[in-house]
Protein backbone atom coordinates (compact mmCIF):
# COMPACT_ATOMS: atom_id res chain seq x y z
CA MET A 1 -0.96 -161.09 -10.07
CA GLY A 2 1.67 -163.50 -8.79
CA ASP A 3 4.57 -162.82 -6.49
CA LYS A 4 7.39 -165.12 -7.51
CA GLY A 5 9.86 -163.43 -5.21
CA THR A 6 11.70 -161.66 -8.07
CA THR A 7 13.51 -158.82 -6.35
CA SER A 8 14.72 -155.62 -7.94
CA HIS A 9 15.77 -152.29 -6.41
CA VAL A 10 13.29 -151.01 -3.84
CA GLN A 11 11.43 -147.83 -4.65
CA SER A 12 9.76 -145.61 -2.06
CA THR A 13 7.34 -143.87 -4.41
CA VAL A 14 3.93 -143.00 -2.98
CA LEU A 15 1.34 -143.16 -5.70
CA HIS A 16 -1.66 -140.79 -5.59
CA GLY A 17 -1.11 -140.49 -1.84
CA LYS A 18 -2.57 -143.98 -1.44
CA TYR A 19 -0.13 -146.71 -2.51
CA GLU A 20 3.52 -147.11 -1.62
CA LEU A 21 5.38 -148.86 -4.45
CA GLY A 22 7.97 -151.45 -3.47
CA ARG A 23 10.08 -153.96 -5.35
CA VAL A 24 9.54 -155.08 -8.93
CA LEU A 25 7.80 -158.47 -9.10
CA GLY A 26 8.07 -158.85 -12.86
CA HIS A 27 8.04 -156.96 -16.14
CA GLY A 28 6.95 -157.36 -19.73
CA THR A 29 7.19 -155.36 -22.96
CA PHE A 30 4.69 -152.69 -21.92
CA ALA A 31 4.37 -152.99 -18.15
CA LYS A 32 6.15 -153.51 -14.86
CA VAL A 33 4.45 -155.12 -11.89
CA TYR A 34 5.40 -153.84 -8.43
CA HIS A 35 4.65 -154.99 -4.93
CA ALA A 36 2.63 -152.12 -3.44
CA LYS A 37 1.04 -151.35 -0.11
CA ASN A 38 -2.28 -149.58 0.38
CA LEU A 39 -1.41 -146.96 3.01
CA GLN A 40 -5.05 -146.67 4.10
CA THR A 41 -5.66 -150.38 4.73
CA GLY A 42 -2.11 -151.74 5.09
CA LYS A 43 -2.90 -154.48 2.54
CA SER A 44 -0.44 -155.55 -0.15
CA VAL A 45 -1.42 -155.44 -3.85
CA ALA A 46 0.23 -156.08 -7.20
CA MET A 47 0.51 -152.75 -9.05
CA LYS A 48 0.76 -153.03 -12.82
CA VAL A 49 2.31 -149.85 -14.25
CA VAL A 50 1.85 -149.28 -17.98
CA GLY A 51 3.29 -146.46 -20.10
CA LYS A 52 0.45 -144.79 -22.01
CA GLU A 53 2.64 -143.74 -24.95
CA LYS A 54 3.90 -147.27 -25.53
CA VAL A 55 0.38 -148.71 -25.44
CA ILE A 56 -0.94 -146.12 -27.92
CA GLU A 57 2.16 -146.42 -30.15
CA VAL A 58 1.74 -150.15 -30.72
CA GLY A 59 -2.07 -150.05 -30.99
CA MET A 60 -2.70 -151.93 -27.73
CA VAL A 61 -5.36 -149.52 -26.41
CA GLU A 62 -8.31 -151.80 -27.23
CA GLN A 63 -6.62 -154.83 -25.70
CA MET A 64 -5.82 -152.85 -22.56
CA LYS A 65 -9.40 -151.61 -22.27
CA ARG A 66 -10.68 -155.17 -22.76
CA GLU A 67 -8.42 -156.54 -20.05
CA ILE A 68 -9.51 -153.91 -17.50
CA SER A 69 -13.16 -154.20 -18.45
CA ALA A 70 -13.13 -158.01 -18.25
CA MET A 71 -11.38 -158.02 -14.86
CA ASN A 72 -13.87 -155.48 -13.53
CA MET A 73 -16.78 -157.72 -14.52
CA VAL A 74 -15.63 -161.03 -13.07
CA LYS A 75 -15.62 -160.97 -9.25
CA HIS A 76 -15.01 -164.57 -8.23
CA PRO A 77 -12.82 -166.36 -5.62
CA ASN A 78 -10.86 -168.14 -8.37
CA ILE A 79 -10.15 -165.06 -10.49
CA VAL A 80 -7.47 -162.45 -9.72
CA GLN A 81 -9.36 -159.36 -8.56
CA LEU A 82 -9.04 -155.85 -9.93
CA HIS A 83 -9.06 -153.35 -7.05
CA GLU A 84 -8.60 -149.99 -8.69
CA VAL A 85 -7.43 -148.17 -11.81
CA MET A 86 -5.66 -144.81 -11.66
CA ALA A 87 -3.69 -142.69 -14.10
CA SER A 88 -1.25 -139.86 -14.46
CA LYS A 89 -0.42 -138.02 -17.69
CA SER A 90 2.03 -140.69 -18.77
CA LYS A 91 1.17 -143.85 -16.82
CA ILE A 92 -1.72 -146.20 -16.13
CA TYR A 93 -1.77 -147.85 -12.70
CA ILE A 94 -3.77 -151.05 -12.18
CA ALA A 95 -4.02 -152.27 -8.58
CA MET A 96 -4.72 -156.01 -8.46
CA GLU A 97 -4.93 -158.78 -5.94
CA LEU A 98 -1.46 -160.00 -4.96
CA VAL A 99 -1.28 -163.77 -5.42
CA ARG A 100 1.77 -165.17 -3.66
CA GLY A 101 1.86 -168.88 -4.57
CA GLY A 102 3.33 -168.64 -8.07
CA GLU A 103 2.07 -170.21 -11.30
CA LEU A 104 0.41 -173.62 -11.56
CA PHE A 105 2.95 -174.16 -14.37
CA ASP A 106 5.80 -174.20 -11.82
CA MET A 107 4.08 -176.98 -9.88
CA ILE A 108 3.56 -179.11 -13.02
CA ALA A 109 7.21 -178.55 -14.02
CA LYS A 110 8.15 -180.57 -10.92
CA GLY A 111 6.03 -183.51 -12.09
CA ARG A 112 2.45 -184.58 -12.76
CA LEU A 113 -0.23 -184.26 -10.07
CA ARG A 114 -2.25 -186.94 -8.34
CA GLU A 115 -5.83 -187.11 -9.62
CA ASP A 116 -7.39 -185.87 -6.36
CA LYS A 117 -5.14 -182.77 -6.36
CA ALA A 118 -5.66 -182.14 -10.09
CA ARG A 119 -9.42 -182.45 -9.51
CA VAL A 120 -9.43 -179.60 -6.95
CA TYR A 121 -7.64 -177.25 -9.38
CA PHE A 122 -9.84 -178.34 -12.28
CA GLN A 123 -13.04 -177.81 -10.24
CA GLN A 124 -11.86 -174.29 -9.36
CA LEU A 125 -10.89 -173.59 -12.98
CA ILE A 126 -14.30 -174.71 -14.29
CA SER A 127 -16.07 -172.66 -11.60
CA ALA A 128 -14.14 -169.53 -12.70
CA VAL A 129 -14.62 -170.16 -16.43
CA ASP A 130 -18.35 -170.83 -15.98
CA PHE A 131 -18.64 -167.55 -14.07
CA CYS A 132 -16.81 -165.67 -16.86
CA HIS A 133 -19.14 -167.16 -19.48
CA SER A 134 -22.21 -166.21 -17.44
CA ARG A 135 -20.95 -162.60 -17.68
CA GLY A 136 -20.38 -162.89 -21.44
CA VAL A 137 -16.57 -162.93 -21.04
CA TYR A 138 -14.40 -165.48 -22.90
CA HIS A 139 -10.79 -165.77 -21.71
CA ARG A 140 -9.25 -167.30 -24.88
CA ASP A 141 -5.80 -167.93 -23.37
CA LEU A 142 -6.31 -170.49 -20.60
CA LYS A 143 -3.03 -172.29 -19.80
CA PRO A 144 -1.07 -173.17 -16.62
CA GLU A 145 1.06 -170.00 -16.94
CA ASN A 146 -2.14 -167.94 -16.53
CA LEU A 147 -3.33 -169.92 -13.51
CA LEU A 148 -1.85 -168.67 -10.24
CA LEU A 149 -1.99 -170.16 -6.75
CA ASP A 150 -2.61 -168.21 -3.56
CA GLU A 151 -1.11 -168.95 -0.14
CA GLY A 152 -3.96 -171.38 0.63
CA GLY A 153 -3.38 -173.32 -2.60
CA ASN A 154 -6.45 -171.92 -4.35
CA LEU A 155 -6.32 -171.45 -8.10
CA LYS A 156 -6.68 -167.91 -9.52
CA VAL A 157 -7.25 -167.21 -13.23
CA THR A 158 -5.31 -164.20 -14.50
CA ASP A 159 -4.28 -162.41 -17.73
CA PHE A 160 -7.46 -161.29 -19.48
CA GLY A 161 -5.45 -159.53 -22.21
CA LEU A 162 -6.92 -161.76 -24.94
CA SER A 163 -10.44 -161.93 -23.48
CA THR A 164 -13.45 -160.82 -25.47
CA PHE A 165 -17.13 -160.13 -24.88
CA ALA A 166 -20.41 -161.55 -26.15
CA GLU A 167 -21.18 -158.40 -28.15
CA HIS A 168 -18.04 -158.94 -30.24
CA LEU A 169 -19.73 -161.88 -31.91
CA ARG A 170 -20.45 -161.43 -35.61
CA GLN A 171 -23.91 -161.91 -37.10
CA ASP A 172 -23.24 -165.66 -37.32
CA GLY A 173 -22.93 -165.66 -33.50
CA LEU A 174 -19.24 -166.60 -33.64
CA LEU A 175 -15.87 -165.04 -32.85
CA HIS A 176 -13.34 -164.70 -35.68
CA THR A 177 -10.05 -163.63 -34.06
CA THR A 178 -7.30 -166.25 -34.01
CA CYS A 179 -5.50 -165.93 -30.70
CA GLY A 180 -4.17 -167.89 -27.76
CA THR A 181 -1.19 -170.16 -27.16
CA PRO A 182 -0.72 -172.76 -29.96
CA ALA A 183 -0.69 -175.94 -27.83
CA TYR A 184 -3.88 -174.89 -25.97
CA VAL A 185 -5.87 -173.53 -28.93
CA ALA A 186 -9.08 -175.28 -30.06
CA PRO A 187 -9.26 -176.76 -33.62
CA GLU A 188 -12.04 -174.37 -34.69
CA VAL A 189 -9.85 -171.36 -33.76
CA ILE A 190 -7.01 -172.72 -35.93
CA GLU A 191 -9.35 -173.42 -38.85
CA LYS A 192 -10.48 -169.75 -38.89
CA LYS A 193 -14.11 -170.58 -39.66
CA GLY A 194 -15.46 -168.71 -36.65
CA TYR A 195 -15.86 -170.25 -33.21
CA ASP A 196 -17.91 -170.21 -30.04
CA GLY A 197 -15.82 -168.63 -27.24
CA THR A 198 -17.43 -170.90 -24.64
CA LYS A 199 -16.45 -174.08 -26.50
CA ALA A 200 -12.95 -172.81 -27.26
CA ASP A 201 -12.36 -172.13 -23.55
CA ILE A 202 -13.65 -175.63 -22.69
CA TRP A 203 -11.10 -177.17 -25.09
CA SER A 204 -8.30 -175.20 -23.38
CA CYS A 205 -9.56 -176.46 -19.99
CA GLY A 206 -9.26 -179.98 -21.41
CA VAL A 207 -5.63 -179.40 -22.38
CA VAL A 208 -4.95 -177.97 -18.89
CA LEU A 209 -6.49 -181.05 -17.23
CA TYR A 210 -4.45 -183.38 -19.45
CA VAL A 211 -1.24 -181.51 -18.54
CA LEU A 212 -2.07 -181.64 -14.81
CA LEU A 213 -2.53 -185.42 -14.95
CA ALA A 214 0.18 -186.29 -17.48
CA GLY A 215 2.91 -183.73 -16.82
CA PHE A 216 3.19 -183.06 -20.59
CA LEU A 217 1.04 -181.73 -23.45
CA PRO A 218 -1.48 -183.85 -25.39
CA PHE A 219 -0.46 -182.29 -28.73
CA GLN A 220 3.26 -181.84 -29.28
CA ASP A 221 5.48 -181.49 -32.32
CA ASP A 222 8.53 -179.40 -33.25
CA ASN A 223 6.73 -178.51 -36.48
CA LEU A 224 3.84 -176.13 -35.73
CA VAL A 225 1.85 -177.19 -38.83
CA THR A 226 2.12 -180.86 -37.82
CA MET A 227 0.99 -179.97 -34.29
CA TYR A 228 -2.01 -178.06 -35.66
CA LYS A 229 -2.96 -181.08 -37.78
CA LYS A 230 -2.90 -183.26 -34.64
CA ILE A 231 -5.08 -180.72 -32.79
CA CYS A 232 -7.61 -180.53 -35.65
CA LYS A 233 -7.89 -184.35 -35.74
CA GLY A 234 -7.96 -184.67 -31.96
CA ASP A 235 -4.95 -186.97 -32.33
CA PHE A 236 -3.73 -187.65 -28.77
CA LYS A 237 -3.28 -190.60 -26.41
CA CYS A 238 -3.94 -190.82 -22.68
CA PRO A 239 -1.07 -192.27 -20.60
CA PRO A 240 -1.78 -195.63 -18.89
CA TRP A 241 -1.92 -194.06 -15.39
CA PHE A 242 -5.09 -192.05 -16.24
CA SER A 243 -8.15 -193.54 -14.52
CA SER A 244 -10.94 -194.67 -16.86
CA GLU A 245 -13.19 -191.81 -15.63
CA ALA A 246 -10.46 -189.20 -16.27
CA ARG A 247 -9.85 -190.72 -19.72
CA ARG A 248 -13.54 -190.47 -20.61
CA LEU A 249 -13.80 -186.84 -19.47
CA ILE A 250 -10.64 -185.73 -21.32
CA THR A 251 -11.82 -187.44 -24.52
CA LYS A 252 -15.06 -185.44 -24.31
CA LEU A 253 -13.19 -182.20 -23.52
CA LEU A 254 -10.74 -182.67 -26.42
CA ASP A 255 -13.45 -183.49 -28.97
CA PRO A 256 -12.31 -181.75 -32.21
CA ASN A 257 -15.99 -181.34 -33.19
CA SER A 258 -17.11 -178.27 -31.21
CA ASN A 259 -20.78 -179.18 -31.76
CA THR A 260 -20.45 -182.45 -29.83
CA ARG A 261 -17.84 -181.27 -27.30
CA ILE A 262 -18.91 -181.52 -23.67
CA THR A 263 -20.56 -178.44 -22.08
CA ILE A 264 -19.71 -176.96 -18.68
CA SER A 265 -22.92 -178.28 -17.09
CA GLN A 266 -22.08 -181.76 -18.45
CA ILE A 267 -18.52 -181.45 -17.07
CA MET A 268 -19.96 -180.65 -13.64
CA ASP A 269 -22.21 -183.71 -13.88
CA SER A 270 -19.41 -186.08 -14.91
CA PRO A 271 -18.42 -188.82 -12.38
CA TRP A 272 -14.73 -187.77 -12.28
CA PHE A 273 -15.55 -184.10 -11.61
CA LYS A 274 -18.16 -184.87 -8.93
CA LYS A 275 -15.89 -187.02 -6.77
CA SER A 276 -15.55 -185.60 -3.28
CA VAL A 277 -12.40 -183.78 -2.28
CA PRO A 278 -10.18 -185.46 0.39
CA LYS A 279 -10.63 -183.88 3.84
CA SER A 280 -6.99 -182.84 3.93
CA MET A 281 -7.64 -180.59 0.91
CA VAL A 282 -10.99 -179.10 1.97
CA GLU A 283 -9.37 -176.31 4.00
CA THR A 284 -7.93 -174.80 0.81
CA LYS A 285 -11.39 -174.49 -0.75
CA LYS A 286 -13.28 -171.19 -0.55
CA ASP A 287 -16.61 -171.38 1.21
CA GLU A 288 -19.86 -170.17 -0.35
CA LYS A 289 -19.89 -167.05 1.80
CA ASP A 290 -16.63 -165.86 0.18
CA GLU A 291 -18.09 -166.31 -3.28
CA ARG A 292 -21.27 -164.42 -2.41
CA GLU A 293 -19.27 -161.56 -0.96
CA LEU A 294 -17.06 -161.35 -4.04
CA ASP A 295 -20.09 -161.36 -6.28
CA LEU A 296 -21.44 -158.21 -4.66
CA PRO A 297 -20.83 -154.88 -6.44
CA SER A 298 -17.49 -153.47 -5.35
CA THR A 299 -17.18 -150.06 -3.72
CA MET A 300 -17.08 -147.01 -5.93
CA ASN A 301 -13.45 -146.57 -6.96
CA ALA A 302 -11.63 -144.57 -9.61
CA PHE A 303 -12.40 -147.14 -12.29
CA HIS A 304 -16.16 -146.93 -11.71
CA ILE A 305 -16.12 -143.15 -11.58
CA ILE A 306 -14.23 -142.98 -14.87
CA SER A 307 -16.58 -145.46 -16.51
CA LEU A 308 -19.68 -143.57 -15.34
CA SER A 309 -18.56 -140.01 -15.94
CA ASP A 310 -18.08 -138.19 -19.24
CA GLY A 311 -16.34 -135.34 -17.44
CA PHE A 312 -13.61 -137.49 -15.90
CA ASN A 313 -12.13 -139.10 -18.96
CA LEU A 314 -8.42 -139.94 -18.84
CA SER A 315 -7.54 -139.92 -22.56
CA ALA A 316 -10.40 -142.35 -23.27
CA LEU A 317 -8.23 -145.18 -22.02
CA PHE A 318 -10.54 -146.39 -19.32
CA GLU A 319 -13.96 -146.20 -20.91
CA GLU A 320 -15.52 -149.55 -20.35
CA GLU A 321 -16.65 -151.39 -23.45
CA LYS A 322 -19.16 -153.14 -21.27
CA LYS A 323 -20.10 -152.57 -17.67
CA GLU A 324 -21.63 -155.37 -15.71
CA GLU A 325 -25.23 -154.19 -15.53
CA LYS A 326 -25.95 -155.20 -11.96
CA GLU A 327 -27.74 -151.90 -11.68
CA MET A 328 -28.55 -149.00 -13.99
CA ARG A 329 -29.37 -145.49 -12.81
CA PHE A 330 -30.74 -142.48 -14.64
CA ALA A 331 -32.35 -139.16 -13.79
CA THR A 332 -35.67 -137.99 -15.18
CA THR A 333 -37.96 -134.96 -14.94
CA ARG A 334 -40.99 -137.15 -15.70
CA PRO A 335 -43.35 -138.22 -12.91
CA ALA A 336 -43.14 -141.74 -11.49
CA SER A 337 -46.34 -142.68 -13.35
CA SER A 338 -44.64 -141.94 -16.72
CA VAL A 339 -41.64 -144.09 -15.82
CA ILE A 340 -43.95 -146.93 -14.75
CA SER A 341 -45.94 -146.61 -18.01
CA LYS A 342 -42.72 -146.85 -20.04
CA LEU A 343 -41.65 -149.96 -18.17
CA GLU A 344 -45.10 -151.49 -18.69
CA GLU A 345 -44.74 -150.86 -22.45
CA VAL A 346 -41.40 -152.72 -22.42
CA ALA A 347 -42.97 -155.60 -20.48
CA LYS A 348 -45.89 -155.83 -22.92
CA ALA A 349 -43.55 -155.88 -25.94
CA VAL A 350 -41.52 -158.80 -24.58
CA LYS A 351 -44.46 -160.54 -22.83
CA PHE A 352 -43.15 -160.09 -19.29
CA ASP A 353 -45.42 -160.06 -16.22
CA VAL A 354 -45.63 -156.77 -14.29
CA LYS A 355 -46.08 -156.03 -10.58
CA LYS A 356 -46.18 -152.38 -9.53
CA SER A 357 -46.75 -149.97 -6.68
CA VAL A 358 -46.50 -146.16 -6.44
CA ASN A 359 -42.70 -146.08 -6.86
CA LYS A 360 -41.67 -149.66 -7.65
CA VAL A 361 -42.01 -151.91 -10.70
CA ARG A 362 -41.01 -155.55 -11.16
CA LEU A 363 -40.87 -157.18 -14.60
CA GLN A 364 -40.58 -160.97 -14.85
CA GLY A 365 -40.09 -163.16 -17.91
CA LYS A 366 -42.16 -166.29 -18.45
CA ASP A 367 -39.38 -168.41 -19.95
CA HIS A 368 -36.70 -170.20 -17.94
CA GLY A 369 -33.23 -168.87 -18.79
CA ARG A 370 -29.79 -170.04 -17.76
CA LYS A 371 -30.50 -169.36 -14.07
CA GLY A 372 -34.30 -169.35 -13.90
CA LYS A 373 -36.76 -166.67 -15.00
CA LEU A 374 -35.26 -163.23 -15.65
CA ALA A 375 -36.68 -160.54 -13.34
CA ILE A 376 -35.94 -156.80 -13.30
CA ALA A 377 -36.81 -154.44 -10.44
CA ALA A 378 -37.02 -150.65 -10.79
CA ASP A 379 -37.17 -148.21 -7.84
CA ILE A 380 -38.13 -144.57 -8.41
CA TYR A 381 -36.71 -142.07 -5.87
CA ALA A 382 -38.16 -138.53 -5.84
CA VAL A 383 -35.32 -136.04 -5.32
CA THR A 384 -37.58 -133.00 -5.76
CA GLN A 385 -41.17 -132.64 -6.99
CA SER A 386 -39.98 -132.46 -10.60
CA PHE A 387 -36.82 -134.56 -10.51
CA SER A 388 -36.37 -138.29 -9.81
CA VAL A 389 -33.67 -140.91 -9.94
CA VAL A 390 -34.58 -144.36 -11.25
CA GLU A 391 -32.53 -147.39 -10.22
CA VAL A 392 -32.95 -150.58 -12.25
CA LYS A 393 -31.54 -153.89 -10.98
CA LYS A 394 -31.48 -157.55 -11.90
CA ASP A 395 -33.82 -159.24 -9.40
CA ASN A 396 -33.46 -162.81 -10.65
CA GLY A 397 -31.91 -164.82 -13.48
CA ASP A 398 -28.65 -164.70 -15.39
CA THR A 399 -26.52 -161.54 -15.60
CA LEU A 400 -25.67 -161.99 -19.28
CA GLU A 401 -29.37 -162.33 -20.16
CA TYR A 402 -30.06 -159.22 -18.06
CA ASN A 403 -27.27 -157.30 -19.84
CA GLN A 404 -28.77 -158.23 -23.22
CA PHE A 405 -32.27 -157.23 -22.08
CA CYS A 406 -30.93 -153.83 -20.92
CA SER A 407 -29.10 -153.10 -24.16
CA LYS A 408 -31.76 -154.38 -26.59
CA GLU A 409 -35.03 -153.53 -24.82
CA LEU A 410 -34.66 -151.27 -21.80
CA ARG A 411 -32.19 -148.60 -22.89
CA PRO A 412 -33.86 -147.86 -26.27
CA ALA A 413 -37.30 -147.69 -24.62
CA LEU A 414 -36.19 -145.33 -21.83
CA LYS A 415 -34.00 -142.92 -23.82
CA ASP A 416 -36.83 -140.39 -24.32
CA ILE A 417 -37.44 -139.92 -20.60
CA VAL A 418 -33.80 -139.64 -19.53
CA TRP A 419 -32.97 -136.13 -18.32
CA ARG A 420 -30.45 -134.20 -20.45
CA THR A 421 -28.63 -131.01 -19.60
CA SER A 422 -29.11 -129.64 -23.12
CA PRO A 423 -31.18 -130.65 -26.18
CA SER A 424 -28.05 -131.59 -28.18
CA GLU A 425 -26.60 -133.81 -25.49
CA ASN A 426 -26.99 -137.53 -25.94
CA PRO A 427 -29.04 -139.14 -23.18
CA ARG A 428 -26.90 -141.21 -20.86
CA LEU A 429 -27.95 -144.18 -18.81
CA ALA A 430 -25.25 -144.71 -16.21
């Protein structure tokens, strides 16, 4: 969350013995955002404080759960990070990365950007959006107001309140909820015929790029209906100062036909996008090591405990709709050989190759997916002679494809061997 320097009265509240709340950074209808300090690490965070009653009263529970769940899934240098979620009887506390550079919107308000500077922000935006899509998360409200800048000038995507997940697609494989900010919304969202979340986000990225380079919107009109008609026709003009390469890319991004609109991989291959960044701007770019570190599973915090435990359920407000399945653990009273046999059955059904040892199994697909062949590794740890813990991880390939494999193939196949405390209890794969 951004720190725009908005100052209110200073509070000295210590939250859960861990965070000291400071000044108010901003507030909305349902939440206030405070500057807070982690007393254990000394680091500053943005603490979003939401009243539970208000959220329940206006039916915002699902949206709140979506926002937390989406933020928990997307660990990337160009996305505002979720650190921790806590709760009291009346409040929800969301500790997030404090981003101090303000909104990208404020920068554009001062005037359009040079192409080399706009390119850096656009490259970071596409990197973040591509990462979200690889996790099955669609933002659906990309605009300069939701793009923050840190102290180093790096772009950070925020506000996942309107995000949705791949499993919310209907049987036609499309999303059907009209949402977003009018000037940034794709034609297919307006037309209410169902839309692909990936392509709708790409359109919004196109509007953002246009605004960065032009200093104004591509589709404008005082009459909303007239503006929507322009959007649906793709009726816009590029200013004369746009380079020919930028013009070509924006025309492909703002293609009103979603079927022929440019894809993210094609964006990354376009001449304008691939141009090298000036040396003076390289220092603001994150290195690969940062991205790898952020992509690692975060430490076990309150949010993870809540999402994994039935017993620690704070008014059902923090149950994840979808956890990022980087690993899946379950307990079983069956011997390792039974677990291995079950995994071999799964592999046979989906025509995966199998490699196994006494307490390890590796399943690998034969088809190339989004990031190579999908591979799943399972380790079986004997706790006692009659009790084991099985840990399943993605070993290669795309996370979204792994998530789908877990939900459609692995979980149903393993449910009979998962240990339960009583016959009536539903088996649970954590």
